[in-house]
Structures are given as structure tokens and as C-alpha cells.
Amino acid sequence: MLPYFDTSYAAQLVLGKNWRTATPEQRKRFVEGFYQSMLQNYGTALLEFTPDRLKILPFQGKPEDAQATVRSEVRRDNGTRVPVNYTLRKTPEGLEAYRLTIKAFRT
């Protein structure tokens, strides 16, 4: 997933108005830290992921839209399904995700 995740854009959104006042070096360091944080927080879960647990839901947007949300469900070990949405945007390189939304659940 990470090769298709627009880490720089997502980091810019996280930093908000502070992005404008950050130096290029500060921005670079923040993007790298953000990327490493994503790896630490989601890496283990992704290693345990198997494709048979993922269900992509029907697309509800228009192909020409600049942004799109791909809705999916991931089945946990106990059988419950967790909604996971990926928000993508068109870039010169193609569609790239910049937001991952996982519905909170109780174990």
C-alpha cells in the first residue's frame, strides 16, 4: 500500500497551517518521520493481512472525479468486519491514497 500512498501530501495535511512556515528541511524531516510512524503503527497489522480477509465494496463515485473513496471491509480473526476507507486523489503519477479511515471498534 505504501508505494501508492501520497505520504508527502498526507503529512502536509497533518501539519496543517504549520506546513507553510516550515523550512524545506523541516518538511523533509516531518515527512520521513510521518512515514516511519505509519510503518511502526500499521506495519505489523499489514504483515498479518491476507487477501481473503478483504472485501472491496462497490464504487459510488464518478471516474472523472479528482478524488475518490474506495470503501472496503476487513474481516478480523473473530469474524467481525471492520470498515476501511481509502481516499485517493489524482496526481500526475496516477491515483494516490492520502487518507486511510478505519472505523473504531471495540474488542
PDB file of N, CA and C in Angstrom:
ATOM      1  N   MET A   1       0.822  -1.204   0.000  1.00  0.00           N
ATOM      2  CA  MET A   1       0.000   0.000   0.000  1.00  0.00           C
ATOM      3  C   MET A   1       0.860   1.260   0.000  1.00  0.00           C
ATOM      4  N   LEU A   2       1.964   1.242   0.745  1.00  0.00           N
ATOM      5  CA  LEU A   2       2.755   2.470   0.886  1.00  0.00           C
ATOM      6  C   LEU A   2       3.262   3.042  -0.440  1.00  0.00           C
ATOM      7  N   PRO A   3       3.607   2.230  -1.437  1.00  0.00           N
ATOM      8  CA  PRO A   3       4.016   2.852  -2.704  1.00  0.00           C
ATOM      9  C   PRO A   3       2.897   3.662  -3.360  1.00  0.00           C
ATOM     10  N   TYR A   4       1.655   3.389  -2.986  1.00  0.00           N
ATOM     11  CA  TYR A   4       0.517   4.092  -3.562  1.00  0.00           C
ATOM     12  C   TYR A   4      -0.062   5.125  -2.612  1.00  0.00           C
ATOM     13  N   PHE A   5       0.622   5.342  -1.505  1.00  0.00           N
ATOM     14  CA  PHE A   5       0.166   6.306  -0.504  1.00  0.00           C
ATOM     15  C   PHE A   5       0.963   7.583  -0.668  1.00  0.00           C
ATOM     16  N   ASP A   6       0.284   8.708  -0.838  1.00  0.00           N
ATOM     17  CA  ASP A   6       0.929  10.009  -1.022  1.00  0.00           C
ATOM     18  C   ASP A   6       1.349  10.547   0.348  1.00  0.00           C
ATOM     19  N   THR A   7       2.467  10.037   0.832  1.00  0.00           N
ATOM     20  CA  THR A   7       2.938  10.364   2.170  1.00  0.00           C
ATOM     21  C   THR A   7       3.181  11.859   2.333  1.00  0.00           C
ATOM     22  N   SER A   8       3.762  12.501   1.337  1.00  0.00           N
ATOM     23  CA  SER A   8       4.047  13.939   1.434  1.00  0.00           C
ATOM     24  C   SER A   8       2.767  14.758   1.587  1.00  0.00           C
ATOM     25  N   TYR A   9       1.769  14.440   0.781  1.00  0.00           N
ATOM     26  CA  TYR A   9       0.510  15.176   0.852  1.00  0.00           C
ATOM     27  C   TYR A   9      -0.198  14.921   2.182  1.00  0.00           C
ATOM     28  N   ALA A  10      -0.207  13.659   2.626  1.00  0.00           N
ATOM     29  CA  ALA A  10      -0.839  13.333   3.910  1.00  0.00           C
ATOM     30  C   ALA A  10      -0.131  14.040   5.053  1.00  0.00           C
ATOM     31  N   ALA A  11       1.204  14.073   5.016  1.00  0.00           N
ATOM     32  CA  ALA A  11       1.969  14.765   6.060  1.00  0.00           C
ATOM     33  C   ALA A  11       1.661  16.258   6.056  1.00  0.00           C
ATOM     34  N   GLN A  12       1.509  16.829   4.878  1.00  0.00           N
ATOM     35  CA  GLN A  12       1.158  18.248   4.761  1.00  0.00           C
ATOM     36  C   GLN A  12      -0.206  18.514   5.395  1.00  0.00           C
ATOM     37  N   LEU A  13      -1.161  17.636   5.183  1.00  0.00           N
ATOM     38  CA  LEU A  13      -2.482  17.793   5.793  1.00  0.00           C
ATOM     39  C   LEU A  13      -2.401  17.674   7.306  1.00  0.00           C
ATOM     40  N   VAL A  14      -1.584  16.755   7.794  1.00  0.00           N
ATOM     41  CA  VAL A  14      -1.432  16.564   9.239  1.00  0.00           C
ATOM     42  C   VAL A  14      -0.806  17.808   9.867  1.00  0.00           C
ATOM     43  N   LEU A  15       0.194  18.362   9.219  1.00  0.00           N
ATOM     44  CA  LEU A  15       0.889  19.529   9.766  1.00  0.00           C
ATOM     45  C   LEU A  15       0.049  20.799   9.660  1.00  0.00           C
ATOM     46  N   GLY A  16      -0.903  20.799   8.740  1.00  0.00           N
ATOM     47  CA  GLY A  16      -1.832  21.928   8.615  1.00  0.00           C
ATOM     48  C   GLY A  16      -1.134  23.241   8.284  1.00  0.00           C
ATOM     49  N   LYS A  17      -1.568  24.304   8.930  1.00  0.00           N
ATOM     50  CA  LYS A  17      -1.039  25.649   8.627  1.00  0.00           C
ATOM     51  C   LYS A  17       0.451  25.761   8.930  1.00  0.00           C
ATOM     52  N   ASN A  18       0.978  24.892   9.781  1.00  0.00           N
ATOM     53  CA  ASN A  18       2.405  24.927  10.107  1.00  0.00           C
ATOM     54  C   ASN A  18       3.286  24.501   8.935  1.00  0.00           C
ATOM     55  N   TRP A  19       2.700  23.816   7.962  1.00  0.00           N
ATOM     56  CA  TRP A  19       3.449  23.411   6.773  1.00  0.00           C
ATOM     57  C   TRP A  19       3.999  24.638   6.054  1.00  0.00           C
ATOM     58  N   ARG A  20       3.207  25.704   5.980  1.00  0.00           N
ATOM     59  CA  ARG A  20       3.621  26.910   5.238  1.00  0.00           C
ATOM     60  C   ARG A  20       4.842  27.578   5.851  1.00  0.00           C
ATOM     61  N   THR A  21       4.982  27.515   7.163  1.00  0.00           N
ATOM     62  CA  THR A  21       6.087  28.205   7.827  1.00  0.00           C
ATOM     63  C   THR A  21       7.293  27.294   8.060  1.00  0.00           C
ATOM     64  N   ALA A  22       7.161  26.025   7.792  1.00  0.00           N
ATOM     65  CA  ALA A  22       8.279  25.090   7.971  1.00  0.00           C
ATOM     66  C   ALA A  22       9.282  25.265   6.836  1.00  0.00           C
ATOM     67  N   THR A  23      10.547  25.092   7.156  1.00  0.00           N
ATOM     68  CA  THR A  23      11.589  25.153   6.131  1.00  0.00           C
ATOM     69  C   THR A  23      11.543  23.866   5.302  1.00  0.00           C
ATOM     70  N   PRO A  24      12.140  23.881   4.111  1.00  0.00           N
ATOM     71  CA  PRO A  24      12.181  22.642   3.313  1.00  0.00           C
ATOM     72  C   PRO A  24      12.807  21.476   4.085  1.00  0.00           C
ATOM     73  N   GLU A  25      13.837  21.735   4.885  1.00  0.00           N
ATOM     74  CA  GLU A  25      14.461  20.680   5.675  1.00  0.00           C
ATOM     75  C   GLU A  25      13.497  20.155   6.746  1.00  0.00           C
ATOM     76  N   GLN A  26      12.768  21.053   7.407  1.00  0.00           N
ATOM     77  CA  GLN A  26      11.793  20.632   8.413  1.00  0.00           C
ATOM     78  C   GLN A  26      10.684  19.803   7.776  1.00  0.00           C
ATOM     79  N   ARG A  27      10.227  20.224   6.605  1.00  0.00           N
ATOM     80  CA  ARG A  27       9.196  19.468   5.891  1.00  0.00           C
ATOM     81  C   ARG A  27       9.687  18.071   5.553  1.00  0.00           C
ATOM     82  N   LYS A  28      10.922  18.005   5.040  1.00  0.00           N
ATOM     83  CA  LYS A  28      11.504  16.717   4.674  1.00  0.00           C
ATOM     84  C   LYS A  28      11.591  15.799   5.889  1.00  0.00           C
ATOM     85  N   ARG A  29      12.053  16.321   7.005  1.00  0.00           N
ATOM     86  CA  ARG A  29      12.174  15.521   8.219  1.00  0.00           C
ATOM     87  C   ARG A  29      10.801  15.091   8.736  1.00  0.00           C
ATOM     88  N   PHE A  30       9.814  15.979   8.642  1.00  0.00           N
ATOM     89  CA  PHE A  30       8.470  15.621   9.099  1.00  0.00           C
ATOM     90  C   PHE A  30       7.883  14.513   8.234  1.00  0.00           C
ATOM     91  N   VAL A  31       8.036  14.625   6.920  1.00  0.00           N
ATOM     92  CA  VAL A  31       7.513  13.593   6.016  1.00  0.00           C
ATOM     93  C   VAL A  31       8.169  12.251   6.318  1.00  0.00           C
ATOM     94  N   GLU A  32       9.482  12.245   6.530  1.00  0.00           N
ATOM     95  CA  GLU A  32      10.175  10.998   6.850  1.00  0.00           C
ATOM     96  C   GLU A  32       9.696  10.426   8.185  1.00  0.00           C
ATOM     97  N   GLY A  33       9.545  11.282   9.192  1.00  0.00           N
ATOM     98  CA  GLY A  33       9.039  10.833  10.488  1.00  0.00           C
ATOM     99  C   GLY A  33       7.623  10.303  10.388  1.00  0.00           C
ATOM    100  N   PHE A  34       6.798  10.967   9.593  1.00  0.00           N
ATOM    101  CA  PHE A  34       5.416  10.534   9.379  1.00  0.00           C
ATOM    102  C   PHE A  34       5.396   9.150   8.735  1.00  0.00           C
ATOM    103  N   TYR A  35       6.246   8.954   7.733  1.00  0.00           N
ATOM    104  CA  TYR A  35       6.346   7.668   7.044  1.00  0.00           C
ATOM    105  C   TYR A  35       6.773   6.569   8.023  1.00  0.00           C
ATOM    106  N   GLN A  36       7.791   6.844   8.811  1.00  0.00           N
ATOM    107  CA  GLN A  36       8.270   5.862   9.789  1.00  0.00           C
ATOM    108  C   GLN A  36       7.189   5.544  10.823  1.00  0.00           C
ATOM    109  N   SER A  37       6.441   6.554  11.236  1.00  0.00           N
ATOM    110  CA  SER A  37       5.355   6.343  12.187  1.00  0.00           C
ATOM    111  C   SER A  37       4.287   5.422  11.592  1.00  0.00           C
ATOM    112  N   MET A  38       3.966   5.633  10.325  1.00  0.00           N
ATOM    113  CA  MET A  38       2.985   4.769   9.654  1.00  0.00           C
ATOM    114  C   MET A  38       3.482   3.331   9.614  1.00  0.00           C
ATOM    115  N   LEU A  39       4.764   3.153   9.305  1.00  0.00           N
ATOM    116  CA  LEU A  39       5.321   1.800   9.265  1.00  0.00           C
ATOM    117  C   LEU A  39       5.237   1.126  10.628  1.00  0.00           C
ATOM    118  N   GLN A  40       5.575   1.867  11.677  1.00  0.00           N
ATOM    119  CA  GLN A  40       5.543   1.304  13.028  1.00  0.00           C
ATOM    120  C   GLN A  40       4.115   0.991  13.473  1.00  0.00           C
ATOM    121  N   ASN A  41       3.192   1.894  13.169  1.00  0.00           N
ATOM    122  CA  ASN A  41       1.816   1.721  13.638  1.00  0.00           C
ATOM    123  C   ASN A  41       1.008   0.703  12.830  1.00  0.00           C
ATOM    124  N   TYR A  42       1.284   0.613  11.538  1.00  0.00           N
ATOM    125  CA  TYR A  42       0.470  -0.258  10.688  1.00  0.00           C
ATOM    126  C   TYR A  42       1.242  -1.447  10.126  1.00  0.00           C
ATOM    127  N   GLY A  43       2.566  -1.442  10.248  1.00  0.00           N
ATOM    128  CA  GLY A  43       3.385  -2.488   9.644  1.00  0.00           C
ATOM    129  C   GLY A  43       3.037  -3.878  10.102  1.00  0.00           C
ATOM    130  N   THR A  44       2.909  -4.088  11.406  1.00  0.00           N
ATOM    131  CA  THR A  44       2.598  -5.411  11.942  1.00  0.00           C
ATOM    132  C   THR A  44       1.240  -5.894  11.457  1.00  0.00           C
ATOM    133  N   ALA A  45       0.253  -5.005  11.475  1.00  0.00           N
ATOM    134  CA  ALA A  45      -1.084  -5.386  11.008  1.00  0.00           C
ATOM    135  C   ALA A  45      -1.050  -5.773   9.533  1.00  0.00           C
ATOM    136  N   LEU A  46      -0.267  -5.045   8.737  1.00  0.00           N
ATOM    137  CA  LEU A  46      -0.192  -5.362   7.313  1.00  0.00           C
ATOM    138  C   LEU A  46       0.510  -6.691   7.067  1.00  0.00           C
ATOM    139  N   LEU A  47       1.483  -7.034   7.911  1.00  0.00           N
ATOM    140  CA  LEU A  47       2.155  -8.320   7.760  1.00  0.00           C
ATOM    141  C   LEU A  47       1.208  -9.481   8.016  1.00  0.00           C
ATOM    142  N   GLU A  48       0.235  -9.301   8.891  1.00  0.00           N
ATOM    143  CA  GLU A  48      -0.725 -10.345   9.221  1.00  0.00           C
ATOM    144  C   GLU A  48      -1.903 -10.386   8.244  1.00  0.00           C
ATOM    145  N   PHE A  49      -1.979  -9.415   7.358  1.00  0.00           N
ATOM    146  CA  PHE A  49      -3.097  -9.303   6.423  1.00  0.00           C
ATOM    147  C   PHE A  49      -3.013 -10.387   5.358  1.00  0.00           C
ATOM    148  N   THR A  50      -4.158 -10.954   5.025  1.00  0.00           N
ATOM    149  CA  THR A  50      -4.252 -11.888   3.912  1.00  0.00           C
ATOM    150  C   THR A  50      -5.381 -11.427   3.001  1.00  0.00           C
ATOM    151  N   PRO A  51      -5.209 -11.538   1.695  1.00  0.00           N
ATOM    152  CA  PRO A  51      -6.210 -11.019   0.751  1.00  0.00           C
ATOM    153  C   PRO A  51      -7.606 -11.574   0.939  1.00  0.00           C
ATOM    154  N   ASP A  52      -7.750 -12.794   1.459  1.00  0.00           N
ATOM    155  CA  ASP A  52      -9.080 -13.376   1.619  1.00  0.00           C
ATOM    156  C   ASP A  52      -9.885 -12.667   2.707  1.00  0.00           C
ATOM    157  N   ARG A  53      -9.255 -11.805   3.475  1.00  0.00           N
ATOM    158  CA  ARG A  53      -9.951 -11.061   4.534  1.00  0.00           C
ATOM    159  C   ARG A  53     -10.483  -9.716   4.048  1.00  0.00           C
ATOM    160  N   LEU A  54     -10.171  -9.348   2.825  1.00  0.00           N
ATOM    161  CA  LEU A  54     -10.537  -8.033   2.297  1.00  0.00           C
ATOM    162  C   LEU A  54     -11.694  -8.142   1.322  1.00  0.00           C
ATOM    163  N   LYS A  55     -12.678  -7.268   1.504  1.00  0.00           N
ATOM    164  CA  LYS A  55     -13.796  -7.188   0.562  1.00  0.00           C
ATOM    165  C   LYS A  55     -13.891  -5.730   0.107  1.00  0.00           C
ATOM    166  N   ILE A  56     -13.707  -5.505  -1.190  1.00  0.00           N
ATOM    167  CA  ILE A  56     -13.855  -4.166  -1.764  1.00  0.00           C
ATOM    168  C   ILE A  56     -15.335  -3.965  -2.076  1.00  0.00           C
ATOM    169  N   LEU A  57     -15.893  -2.867  -1.587  1.00  0.00           N
ATOM    170  CA  LEU A  57     -17.314  -2.579  -1.794  1.00  0.00           C
ATOM    171  C   LEU A  57     -17.510  -1.814  -3.097  1.00  0.00           C
ATOM    172  N   PRO A  58     -18.722  -1.824  -3.659  1.00  0.00           N
ATOM    173  CA  PRO A  58     -18.972  -1.150  -4.936  1.00  0.00           C
ATOM    174  C   PRO A  58     -18.622   0.342  -4.876  1.00  0.00           C
ATOM    175  N   PHE A  59     -18.009   0.830  -5.951  1.00  0.00           N
ATOM    176  CA  PHE A  59     -17.615   2.231  -6.063  1.00  0.00           C
ATOM    177  C   PHE A  59     -18.853   3.102  -6.267  1.00  0.00           C
ATOM    178  N   GLN A  60     -18.920   4.223  -5.560  1.00  0.00           N
ATOM    179  CA  GLN A  60     -20.098   5.081  -5.643  1.00  0.00           C
ATOM    180  C   GLN A  60     -19.804   6.454  -6.242  1.00  0.00           C
ATOM    181  N   GLY A  61     -18.604   6.665  -6.749  1.00  0.00           N
ATOM    182  CA  GLY A  61     -18.246   7.964  -7.319  1.00  0.00           C
ATOM    183  C   GLY A  61     -18.308   7.960  -8.827  1.00  0.00           C
ATOM    184  N   LYS A  62     -17.676   8.977  -9.409  1.00  0.00           N
ATOM    185  CA  LYS A  62     -17.572   9.096 -10.854  1.00  0.00           C
ATOM    186  C   LYS A  62     -16.102   8.965 -11.241  1.00  0.00           C
ATOM    187  N   PRO A  63     -15.795   8.220 -12.285  1.00  0.00           N
ATOM    188  CA  PRO A  63     -14.398   8.013 -12.670  1.00  0.00           C
ATOM    189  C   PRO A  63     -13.642   9.313 -12.963  1.00  0.00           C
ATOM    190  N   GLU A  64     -14.324  10.346 -13.380  1.00  0.00           N
ATOM    191  CA  GLU A  64     -13.649  11.610 -13.733  1.00  0.00           C
ATOM    192  C   GLU A  64     -13.403  12.521 -12.526  1.00  0.00           C
ATOM    193  N   ASP A  65     -13.906  12.176 -11.357  1.00  0.00           N
ATOM    194  CA  ASP A  65     -13.700  12.999 -10.164  1.00  0.00           C
ATOM    195  C   ASP A  65     -12.217  13.082  -9.806  1.00  0.00           C
ATOM    196  N   ALA A  66     -11.823  14.224  -9.240  1.00  0.00           N
ATOM    197  CA  ALA A  66     -10.430  14.433  -8.832  1.00  0.00           C
ATOM    198  C   ALA A  66     -10.089  13.635  -7.579  1.00  0.00           C
ATOM    199  N   GLN A  67     -11.103  13.295  -6.795  1.00  0.00           N
ATOM    200  CA  GLN A  67     -10.920  12.498  -5.588  1.00  0.00           C
ATOM    201  C   GLN A  67     -11.928  11.350  -5.598  1.00  0.00           C
ATOM    202  N   ALA A  68     -11.557  10.296  -4.914  1.00  0.00           N
ATOM    203  CA  ALA A  68     -12.458   9.146  -4.820  1.00  0.00           C
ATOM    204  C   ALA A  68     -12.211   8.431  -3.500  1.00  0.00           C
ATOM    205  N   THR A  69     -13.244   7.781  -3.003  1.00  0.00           N
ATOM    206  CA  THR A  69     -13.108   6.965  -1.809  1.00  0.00           C
ATOM    207  C   THR A  69     -13.390   5.516  -2.177  1.00  0.00           C
ATOM    208  N   VAL A  70     -12.433   4.673  -1.859  1.00  0.00           N
ATOM    209  CA  VAL A  70     -12.601   3.238  -2.053  1.00  0.00           C
ATOM    210  C   VAL A  70     -12.992   2.662  -0.699  1.00  0.00           C
ATOM    211  N   ARG A  71     -14.167   2.086  -0.654  1.00  0.00           N
ATOM    212  CA  ARG A  71     -14.669   1.514   0.594  1.00  0.00           C
ATOM    213  C   ARG A  71     -14.368   0.022   0.615  1.00  0.00           C
ATOM    214  N   SER A  72     -13.986  -0.464   1.780  1.00  0.00           N
ATOM    215  CA  SER A  72     -13.724  -1.890   1.917  1.00  0.00           C
ATOM    216  C   SER A  72     -14.056  -2.341   3.329  1.00  0.00           C
ATOM    217  N   GLU A  73     -14.041  -3.641   3.508  1.00  0.00           N
ATOM    218  CA  GLU A  73     -14.214  -4.244   4.831  1.00  0.00           C
ATOM    219  C   GLU A  73     -13.101  -5.273   5.011  1.00  0.00           C
ATOM    220  N   VAL A  74     -12.558  -5.305   6.210  1.00  0.00           N
ATOM    221  CA  VAL A  74     -11.540  -6.296   6.543  1.00  0.00           C
ATOM    222  C   VAL A  74     -12.121  -7.193   7.630  1.00  0.00           C
ATOM    223  N   ARG A  75     -12.043  -8.488   7.398  1.00  0.00           N
ATOM    224  CA  ARG A  75     -12.554  -9.461   8.372  1.00  0.00           C
ATOM    225  C   ARG A  75     -11.473  -9.772   9.386  1.00  0.00           C
ATOM    226  N   ARG A  76     -11.816  -9.614  10.648  1.00  0.00           N
ATOM    227  CA  ARG A  76     -10.891  -9.918  11.737  1.00  0.00           C
ATOM    228  C   ARG A  76     -10.920 -11.402  12.054  1.00  0.00           C
ATOM    229  N   ASP A  77      -9.988 -11.846  12.904  1.00  0.00           N
ATOM    230  CA  ASP A  77      -9.921 -13.263  13.291  1.00  0.00           C
ATOM    231  C   ASP A  77     -11.226 -13.763  13.883  1.00  0.00           C
ATOM    232  N   ASN A  78     -11.940 -12.886  14.623  1.00  0.00           N
ATOM    233  CA  ASN A  78     -13.183 -13.305  15.273  1.00  0.00           C
ATOM    234  C   ASN A  78     -14.397 -13.221  14.338  1.00  0.00           C
ATOM    235  N   GLY A  79     -14.169 -12.863  13.077  1.00  0.00           N
ATOM    236  CA  GLY A  79     -15.251 -12.816  12.093  1.00  0.00           C
ATOM    237  C   GLY A  79     -15.904 -11.458  11.913  1.00  0.00           C
ATOM    238  N   THR A  80     -15.690 -10.533  12.830  1.00  0.00           N
ATOM    239  CA  THR A  80     -16.280  -9.201  12.664  1.00  0.00           C
ATOM    240  C   THR A  80     -15.625  -8.493  11.491  1.00  0.00           C
ATOM    241  N   ARG A  81     -16.386  -7.596  10.895  1.00  0.00           N
ATOM    242  CA  ARG A  81     -15.885  -6.840   9.738  1.00  0.00           C
ATOM    243  C   ARG A  81     -15.631  -5.400  10.157  1.00  0.00           C
ATOM    244  N   VAL A  82     -14.480  -4.889   9.767  1.00  0.00           N
ATOM    245  CA  VAL A  82     -14.080  -3.521  10.099  1.00  0.00           C
ATOM    246  C   VAL A  82     -14.077  -2.705   8.813  1.00  0.00           C
ATOM    247  N   PRO A  83     -14.877  -1.610   8.751  1.00  0.00           N
ATOM    248  CA  PRO A  83     -14.853  -0.748   7.575  1.00  0.00           C
ATOM    249  C   PRO A  83     -13.520   0.001   7.464  1.00  0.00           C
ATOM    250  N   VAL A  84     -12.931  -0.065   6.278  1.00  0.00           N
ATOM    251  CA  VAL A  84     -11.685   0.641   5.993  1.00  0.00           C
ATOM    252  C   VAL A  84     -11.885   1.385   4.682  1.00  0.00           C
ATOM    253  N   ASN A  85     -11.735   2.714   4.729  1.00  0.00           N
ATOM    254  CA  ASN A  85     -11.900   3.540   3.529  1.00  0.00           C
ATOM    255  C   ASN A  85     -10.578   4.190   3.148  1.00  0.00           C
ATOM    256  N   TYR A  86     -10.281   4.205   1.860  1.00  0.00           N
ATOM    257  CA  TYR A  86      -9.085   4.833   1.321  1.00  0.00           C
ATOM    258  C   TYR A  86      -9.531   6.015   0.475  1.00  0.00           C
ATOM    259  N   THR A  87      -9.070   7.203   0.808  1.00  0.00           N
ATOM    260  CA  THR A  87      -9.380   8.371  -0.007  1.00  0.00           C
ATOM    261  C   THR A  87      -8.193   8.605  -0.932  1.00  0.00           C
ATOM    262  N   LEU A  88      -8.500   8.703  -2.226  1.00  0.00           N
ATOM    263  CA  LEU A  88      -7.465   8.867  -3.244  1.00  0.00           C
ATOM    264  C   LEU A  88      -7.648  10.189  -3.972  1.00  0.00           C
ATOM    265  N   ARG A  89      -6.559  10.671  -4.554  1.00  0.00           N
ATOM    266  CA  ARG A  89      -6.628  11.866  -5.394  1.00  0.00           C
ATOM    267  C   ARG A  89      -5.803  11.632  -6.641  1.00  0.00           C
ATOM    268  N   LYS A  90      -6.196  12.332  -7.721  1.00  0.00           N
ATOM    269  CA  LYS A  90      -5.450  12.214  -8.967  1.00  0.00           C
ATOM    270  C   LYS A  90      -4.187  13.056  -8.856  1.00  0.00           C
ATOM    271  N   THR A  91      -3.070  12.469  -9.242  1.00  0.00           N
ATOM    272  CA  THR A  91      -1.790  13.163  -9.287  1.00  0.00           C
ATOM    273  C   THR A  91      -1.201  12.914 -10.673  1.00  0.00           C
ATOM    274  N   PRO A  92      -0.136  13.610 -11.026  1.00  0.00           N
ATOM    275  CA  PRO A  92       0.497  13.323 -12.330  1.00  0.00           C
ATOM    276  C   PRO A  92       0.954  11.867 -12.457  1.00  0.00           C
ATOM    277  N   GLU A  93       1.227  11.211 -11.328  1.00  0.00           N
ATOM    278  CA  GLU A  93       1.662   9.819 -11.353  1.00  0.00           C
ATOM    279  C   GLU A  93       0.489   8.839 -11.388  1.00  0.00           C
ATOM    280  N   GLY A  94      -0.732   9.328 -11.244  1.00  0.00           N
ATOM    281  CA  GLY A  94      -1.915   8.473 -11.201  1.00  0.00           C
ATOM    282  C   GLY A  94      -2.640   8.670  -9.879  1.00  0.00           C
ATOM    283  N   LEU A  95      -3.539   7.756  -9.538  1.00  0.00           N
ATOM    284  CA  LEU A  95      -4.264   7.846  -8.274  1.00  0.00           C
ATOM    285  C   LEU A  95      -3.355   7.472  -7.115  1.00  0.00           C
ATOM    286  N   GLU A  96      -3.392   8.292  -6.063  1.00  0.00           N
ATOM    287  CA  GLU A  96      -2.614   8.008  -4.862  1.00  0.00           C
ATOM    288  C   GLU A  96      -3.493   8.233  -3.648  1.00  0.00           C
ATOM    289  N   ALA A  97      -3.393   7.332  -2.699  1.00  0.00           N
ATOM    290  CA  ALA A  97      -4.137   7.464  -1.446  1.00  0.00           C
ATOM    291  C   ALA A  97      -3.452   8.505  -0.569  1.00  0.00           C
ATOM    292  N   TYR A  98      -4.249   9.245   0.182  1.00  0.00           N
ATOM    293  CA  TYR A  98      -3.671  10.182   1.138  1.00  0.00           C
ATOM    294  C   TYR A  98      -4.376  10.114   2.489  1.00  0.00           C
ATOM    295  N   ARG A  99      -5.439   9.366   2.566  1.00  0.00           N
ATOM    296  CA  ARG A  99      -6.155   9.214   3.836  1.00  0.00           C
ATOM    297  C   ARG A  99      -6.669   7.782   3.958  1.00  0.00           C
ATOM    298  N   LEU A 100      -6.454   7.231   5.117  1.00  0.00           N
ATOM    299  CA  LEU A 100      -6.952   5.900   5.435  1.00  0.00           C
ATOM    300  C   LEU A 100      -7.843   6.062   6.662  1.00  0.00           C
ATOM    301  N   THR A 101      -9.094   5.657   6.555  1.00  0.00           N
ATOM    302  CA  THR A 101     -10.036   5.780   7.650  1.00  0.00           C
ATOM    303  C   THR A 101     -10.473   4.395   8.079  1.00  0.00           C
ATOM    304  N   ILE A 102     -10.223   4.097   9.341  1.00  0.00           N
ATOM    305  CA  ILE A 102     -10.616   2.813   9.907  1.00  0.00           C
ATOM    306  C   ILE A 102     -11.637   3.095  10.993  1.00  0.00           C
ATOM    307  N   LYS A 103     -12.819   2.512  10.846  1.00  0.00           N
ATOM    308  CA  LYS A 103     -13.864   2.753  11.836  1.00  0.00           C
ATOM    309  C   LYS A 103     -13.441   2.155  13.176  1.00  0.00           C
ATOM    310  N   ALA A 104     -13.573   2.950  14.208  1.00  0.00           N
ATOM    311  CA  ALA A 104     -13.220   2.484  15.548  1.00  0.00           C
ATOM    312  C   ALA A 104     -14.113   1.321  15.941  1.00  0.00           C
ATOM    313  N   PHE A 105     -13.550   0.380  16.644  1.00  0.00           N
ATOM    314  CA  PHE A 105     -14.311  -0.770  17.109  1.00  0.00           C
ATOM    315  C   PHE A 105     -13.826  -1.157  18.488  1.00  0.00           C
ATOM    316  N   ARG A 106     -14.634  -1.922  19.149  1.00  0.00           N
ATOM    317  CA  ARG A 106     -14.282  -2.418  20.490  1.00  0.00           C
ATOM    318  C   ARG A 106     -13.945  -3.887  20.382  1.00  0.00           C
ATOM    319  N   THR A 107     -12.920  -4.299  21.110  1.00  0.00           N
ATOM    320  CA  THR A 107     -12.538  -5.712  21.068  1.00  0.00           C
ATOM    321  C   THR A 107     -13.203  -6.463  22.198  1.00  0.00           C
TER     322      THR A 107
END
